[in-house]
Amino acid sequence: MEGRTLRVKGPKGDLSKDFSPLAEIKISDDQVVVSPVGESRAARAQYGTTRSIIANMVQGVTEPFSKDLLIEGVGFRAAIKGSTIDLELGYSHPVVHPIPEGVTVTVADNVKIHVEGADKQKVGQVAAEIKDYYPVEPYKGKGVRIVGQYVRRKEGKKSA
């Protein structure tokens, strides 16, 4: 730990992050101890956030975080091309999304996307950005969904 930056190394990666001065971080006997600086509401909030982020960093370098996405729709598919993911989502053009460093994306059966990495925030951000290109619509269920996500379906128009 140098100044306000904490660096975590593990078998699956290497993460470093700057933290707020409102949370005090001490390393002693293979333990990281986080405590609030003062009694203010902001200090208590930063303490909890800092503790949670450090726990996720330690977990991420030992066992990577992952999100699975599923593409549903006729003609919808995905493919990896170099350091980008190429999505065909029914638009007149293919959607090309860059894959950030530290995150690996794999595609199985052209419709199952697996996003994995040591940084929980990056993994969730990449999954959310891919999903935002074509969120699931409530009538037919077409679109990109995160596996396990509940999508409320609506009944179509009634004919007389």
C-alpha atoms as a PDB file:
ATOM      1  CA  MET A   1       0.000   0.000   0.000  1.00  0.00           C
ATOM      2  CA  GLU A   2       1.459   3.323  -1.112  1.00  0.00           C
ATOM      3  CA  GLY A   3      -0.383   6.410   0.146  1.00  0.00           C
ATOM      4  CA  ARG A   4      -4.098   5.933  -0.645  1.00  0.00           C
ATOM      5  CA  THR A   5      -3.515   3.200  -3.268  1.00  0.00           C
ATOM      6  CA  LEU A   6      -4.006  -0.472  -2.413  1.00  0.00           C
ATOM      7  CA  ARG A   7      -2.541  -3.149  -4.680  1.00  0.00           C
ATOM      8  CA  VAL A   8      -3.722  -6.768  -4.556  1.00  0.00           C
ATOM      9  CA  LYS A   9      -1.882  -9.595  -6.356  1.00  0.00           C
ATOM     10  CA  GLY A  10      -3.125 -13.114  -6.837  1.00  0.00           C
ATOM     11  CA  PRO A  11      -2.979 -16.099  -9.166  1.00  0.00           C
ATOM     12  CA  LYS A  12      -5.751 -14.729 -11.424  1.00  0.00           C
ATOM     13  CA  GLY A  13      -4.642 -11.121 -11.698  1.00  0.00           C
ATOM     14  CA  ASP A  14      -3.283  -7.928 -10.236  1.00  0.00           C
ATOM     15  CA  LEU A  15      -5.561  -5.055  -9.140  1.00  0.00           C
ATOM     16  CA  SER A  16      -4.849  -1.618  -7.708  1.00  0.00           C
ATOM     17  CA  LYS A  17      -7.217   1.138  -6.633  1.00  0.00           C
ATOM     18  CA  ASP A  18      -7.099   4.571  -5.018  1.00  0.00           C
ATOM     19  CA  PHE A  19      -9.301   5.082  -1.960  1.00  0.00           C
ATOM     20  CA  SER A  20     -10.863   8.053  -0.204  1.00  0.00           C
ATOM     21  CA  PRO A  21      -9.039   9.674   2.733  1.00  0.00           C
ATOM     22  CA  LEU A  22     -12.249   9.272   4.787  1.00  0.00           C
ATOM     23  CA  ALA A  23     -11.479   5.567   5.333  1.00  0.00           C
ATOM     24  CA  GLU A  24      -8.320   4.448   7.117  1.00  0.00           C
ATOM     25  CA  ILE A  25      -6.689   1.279   5.734  1.00  0.00           C
ATOM     26  CA  LYS A  26      -4.123  -0.680   7.756  1.00  0.00           C
ATOM     27  CA  ILE A  27      -2.402  -3.918   6.799  1.00  0.00           C
ATOM     28  CA  SER A  28      -1.243  -6.143   9.648  1.00  0.00           C
ATOM     29  CA  ASP A  29      -0.608  -9.909   9.892  1.00  0.00           C
ATOM     30  CA  ASP A  30      -2.107 -10.782   6.479  1.00  0.00           C
ATOM     31  CA  GLN A  31      -5.260  -8.828   7.331  1.00  0.00           C
ATOM     32  CA  VAL A  32      -6.592  -5.591   5.934  1.00  0.00           C
ATOM     33  CA  VAL A  33      -8.327  -3.499   8.588  1.00  0.00           C
ATOM     34  CA  VAL A  34     -10.579  -0.667   7.429  1.00  0.00           C
ATOM     35  CA  SER A  35     -11.992   1.946   9.799  1.00  0.00           C
ATOM     36  CA  PRO A  36     -13.770   5.301   9.336  1.00  0.00           C
ATOM     37  CA  VAL A  37     -11.872   8.528   9.928  1.00  0.00           C
ATOM     38  CA  GLY A  38     -14.145  10.491  12.277  1.00  0.00           C
ATOM     39  CA  GLU A  39     -17.832  10.061  12.982  1.00  0.00           C
ATOM     40  CA  SER A  40     -19.335  11.862   9.985  1.00  0.00           C
ATOM     41  CA  ARG A  41     -21.957  10.216   7.817  1.00  0.00           C
ATOM     42  CA  ALA A  42     -19.658  10.468   4.764  1.00  0.00           C
ATOM     43  CA  ALA A  43     -16.816   8.765   6.642  1.00  0.00           C
ATOM     44  CA  ARG A  44     -19.055   5.872   7.686  1.00  0.00           C
ATOM     45  CA  ALA A  45     -20.346   5.514   4.112  1.00  0.00           C
ATOM     46  CA  GLN A  46     -16.810   5.516   2.659  1.00  0.00           C
ATOM     47  CA  TYR A  47     -15.703   2.976   5.262  1.00  0.00           C
ATOM     48  CA  GLY A  48     -18.373   0.479   4.189  1.00  0.00           C
ATOM     49  CA  THR A  49     -17.741   1.060   0.499  1.00  0.00           C
ATOM     50  CA  THR A  50     -13.961   0.736   0.917  1.00  0.00           C
ATOM     51  CA  ARG A  51     -14.314  -2.485   2.913  1.00  0.00           C
ATOM     52  CA  SER A  52     -16.593  -3.985   0.267  1.00  0.00           C
ATOM     53  CA  ILE A  53     -14.331  -2.981  -2.642  1.00  0.00           C
ATOM     54  CA  ILE A  54     -11.241  -4.451  -0.931  1.00  0.00           C
ATOM     55  CA  ALA A  55     -13.113  -7.717  -0.236  1.00  0.00           C
ATOM     56  CA  ASN A  56     -14.125  -7.893  -3.920  1.00  0.00           C
ATOM     57  CA  MET A  57     -10.532  -7.185  -5.021  1.00  0.00           C
ATOM     58  CA  VAL A  58      -9.202 -10.047  -2.877  1.00  0.00           C
ATOM     59  CA  GLN A  59     -11.935 -12.393  -4.105  1.00  0.00           C
ATOM     60  CA  GLY A  60     -11.393 -11.369  -7.753  1.00  0.00           C
ATOM     61  CA  VAL A  61      -7.656 -12.151  -7.827  1.00  0.00           C
ATOM     62  CA  THR A  62      -8.271 -15.627  -6.373  1.00  0.00           C
ATOM     63  CA  GLU A  63     -11.472 -16.562  -8.232  1.00  0.00           C
ATOM     64  CA  PRO A  64     -12.552 -14.339 -11.152  1.00  0.00           C
ATOM     65  CA  PHE A  65     -16.010 -12.778 -11.355  1.00  0.00           C
ATOM     66  CA  SER A  66     -18.209 -13.702 -14.299  1.00  0.00           C
ATOM     67  CA  LYS A  67     -21.505 -12.810 -15.942  1.00  0.00           C
ATOM     68  CA  ASP A  68     -23.355 -14.824 -18.549  1.00  0.00           C
ATOM     69  CA  LEU A  69     -25.520 -13.192 -21.205  1.00  0.00           C
ATOM     70  CA  LEU A  70     -27.983 -14.794 -23.570  1.00  0.00           C
ATOM     71  CA  ILE A  71     -29.086 -13.413 -26.935  1.00  0.00           C
ATOM     72  CA  GLU A  72     -32.629 -14.295 -28.006  1.00  0.00           C
ATOM     73  CA  GLY A  73     -34.107 -13.487 -31.395  1.00  0.00           C
ATOM     74  CA  VAL A  74     -34.105 -14.793 -34.956  1.00  0.00           C
ATOM     75  CA  GLY A  75     -30.833 -13.857 -36.672  1.00  0.00           C
ATOM     76  CA  PHE A  76     -29.302 -12.418 -33.512  1.00  0.00           C
ATOM     77  CA  ARG A  77     -25.744 -13.623 -32.874  1.00  0.00           C
ATOM     78  CA  ALA A  78     -22.357 -12.663 -31.497  1.00  0.00           C
ATOM     79  CA  ALA A  79     -18.751 -13.381 -32.488  1.00  0.00           C
ATOM     80  CA  ILE A  80     -15.321 -12.444 -31.144  1.00  0.00           C
ATOM     81  CA  LYS A  81     -13.077 -10.629 -33.624  1.00  0.00           C
ATOM     82  CA  GLY A  82      -9.689  -9.810 -32.120  1.00  0.00           C
ATOM     83  CA  SER A  83     -10.201  -7.542 -29.116  1.00  0.00           C
ATOM     84  CA  THR A  84     -13.818  -6.715 -29.987  1.00  0.00           C
ATOM     85  CA  ILE A  85     -17.145  -8.487 -29.832  1.00  0.00           C
ATOM     86  CA  ASP A  86     -19.231  -8.266 -33.006  1.00  0.00           C
ATOM     87  CA  LEU A  87     -22.984  -8.326 -32.310  1.00  0.00           C
ATOM     88  CA  GLU A  88     -25.676  -8.780 -34.931  1.00  0.00           C
ATOM     89  CA  LEU A  89     -28.856  -7.603 -33.215  1.00  0.00           C
ATOM     90  CA  GLY A  90     -31.276  -6.984 -36.053  1.00  0.00           C
ATOM     91  CA  TYR A  91     -30.000  -3.524 -36.891  1.00  0.00           C
ATOM     92  CA  SER A  92     -28.898  -2.539 -40.407  1.00  0.00           C
ATOM     93  CA  HIS A  93     -25.282  -2.600 -39.197  1.00  0.00           C
ATOM     94  CA  PRO A  94     -23.249  -4.860 -36.902  1.00  0.00           C
ATOM     95  CA  VAL A  95     -22.591  -3.509 -33.408  1.00  0.00           C
ATOM     96  CA  VAL A  96     -18.872  -3.660 -32.513  1.00  0.00           C
ATOM     97  CA  HIS A  97     -18.006  -3.376 -28.821  1.00  0.00           C
ATOM     98  CA  PRO A  98     -14.366  -3.199 -27.600  1.00  0.00           C
ATOM     99  CA  ILE A  99     -13.286  -5.628 -24.878  1.00  0.00           C
ATOM    100  CA  PRO A 100     -11.337  -3.779 -22.153  1.00  0.00           C
ATOM    101  CA  GLU A 101      -8.032  -5.048 -20.795  1.00  0.00           C
ATOM    102  CA  GLY A 102      -8.424  -7.382 -17.821  1.00  0.00           C
ATOM    103  CA  VAL A 103     -11.730  -8.803 -19.076  1.00  0.00           C
ATOM    104  CA  THR A 104     -12.114 -11.918 -21.227  1.00  0.00           C
ATOM    105  CA  VAL A 105     -15.213 -12.531 -23.317  1.00  0.00           C
ATOM    106  CA  THR A 106     -16.084 -15.873 -24.901  1.00  0.00           C
ATOM    107  CA  VAL A 107     -19.009 -16.754 -27.156  1.00  0.00           C
ATOM    108  CA  ALA A 108     -20.570 -20.224 -27.316  1.00  0.00           C
ATOM    109  CA  ASP A 109     -23.238 -21.337 -29.819  1.00  0.00           C
ATOM    110  CA  ASN A 110     -23.294 -17.768 -31.273  1.00  0.00           C
ATOM    111  CA  VAL A 111     -25.820 -16.715 -28.586  1.00  0.00           C
ATOM    112  CA  LYS A 112     -24.193 -17.385 -25.188  1.00  0.00           C
ATOM    113  CA  ILE A 113     -21.721 -14.712 -24.046  1.00  0.00           C
ATOM    114  CA  HIS A 114     -19.478 -15.310 -21.010  1.00  0.00           C
ATOM    115  CA  VAL A 115     -17.751 -12.239 -19.513  1.00  0.00           C
ATOM    116  CA  GLU A 116     -15.009 -12.939 -16.939  1.00  0.00           C
ATOM    117  CA  GLY A 117     -12.365 -10.951 -15.083  1.00  0.00           C
ATOM    118  CA  ALA A 118     -10.781 -10.127 -11.738  1.00  0.00           C
ATOM    119  CA  ASP A 119     -12.368  -6.659 -11.423  1.00  0.00           C
ATOM    120  CA  LYS A 120     -16.045  -6.980 -10.460  1.00  0.00           C
ATOM    121  CA  GLN A 121     -16.862  -3.453 -11.625  1.00  0.00           C
ATOM    122  CA  LYS A 122     -15.340  -3.958 -15.098  1.00  0.00           C
ATOM    123  CA  VAL A 123     -17.100  -7.308 -15.602  1.00  0.00           C
ATOM    124  CA  GLY A 124     -20.478  -5.833 -14.652  1.00  0.00           C
ATOM    125  CA  GLN A 125     -19.875  -2.735 -16.781  1.00  0.00           C
ATOM    126  CA  VAL A 126     -19.020  -4.746 -19.911  1.00  0.00           C
ATOM    127  CA  ALA A 127     -22.066  -6.994 -19.404  1.00  0.00           C
ATOM    128  CA  ALA A 128     -24.329  -3.961 -18.925  1.00  0.00           C
ATOM    129  CA  GLU A 129     -22.947  -2.197 -22.014  1.00  0.00           C
ATOM    130  CA  ILE A 130     -23.509  -5.285 -24.182  1.00  0.00           C
ATOM    131  CA  LYS A 131     -27.039  -5.666 -22.788  1.00  0.00           C
ATOM    132  CA  ASP A 132     -27.830  -1.984 -23.459  1.00  0.00           C
ATOM    133  CA  TYR A 133     -27.382  -2.403 -27.219  1.00  0.00           C
ATOM    134  CA  TYR A 134     -30.676  -4.322 -27.357  1.00  0.00           C
ATOM    135  CA  PRO A 135     -32.451  -4.755 -23.991  1.00  0.00           C
ATOM    136  CA  VAL A 136     -35.101  -7.464 -23.832  1.00  0.00           C
ATOM    137  CA  GLU A 137     -38.430  -6.232 -25.104  1.00  0.00           C
ATOM    138  CA  PRO A 138     -41.479  -7.347 -23.082  1.00  0.00           C
ATOM    139  CA  TYR A 139     -43.708  -8.679 -25.888  1.00  0.00           C
ATOM    140  CA  LYS A 140     -41.667 -11.288 -27.752  1.00  0.00           C
ATOM    141  CA  GLY A 141     -38.703 -11.525 -25.365  1.00  0.00           C
ATOM    142  CA  LYS A 142     -36.145 -10.641 -28.050  1.00  0.00           C
ATOM    143  CA  GLY A 143     -32.890  -9.031 -26.992  1.00  0.00           C
ATOM    144  CA  VAL A 144     -29.821  -9.484 -24.794  1.00  0.00           C
ATOM    145  CA  ARG A 145     -30.434 -10.618 -21.225  1.00  0.00           C
ATOM    146  CA  ILE A 146     -28.204 -11.421 -18.285  1.00  0.00           C
ATOM    147  CA  VAL A 147     -28.778 -15.058 -17.298  1.00  0.00           C
ATOM    148  CA  GLY A 148     -30.969 -15.205 -14.210  1.00  0.00           C
ATOM    149  CA  GLN A 149     -32.494 -11.781 -14.868  1.00  0.00           C
ATOM    150  CA  TYR A 150     -36.290 -11.608 -14.644  1.00  0.00           C
ATOM    151  CA  VAL A 151     -37.975  -9.998 -17.632  1.00  0.00           C
ATOM    152  CA  ARG A 152     -41.598  -9.007 -17.186  1.00  0.00           C
ATOM    153  CA  ARG A 153     -43.592 -10.169 -20.197  1.00  0.00           C
ATOM    154  CA  LYS A 154     -46.666  -8.398 -21.489  1.00  0.00           C
ATOM    155  CA  GLU A 155     -49.661  -9.768 -23.313  1.00  0.00           C
ATOM    156  CA  GLY A 156     -50.027  -8.698 -26.925  1.00  0.00           C
ATOM    157  CA  LYS A 157     -52.891  -6.759 -28.511  1.00  0.00           C
ATOM    158  CA  LYS A 158     -56.270  -8.469 -28.349  1.00  0.00           C
ATOM    159  CA  SER A 159     -58.396  -8.826 -31.440  1.00  0.00           C
ATOM    160  CA  ALA A 160     -62.180  -8.494 -31.168  1.00  0.00           C
END
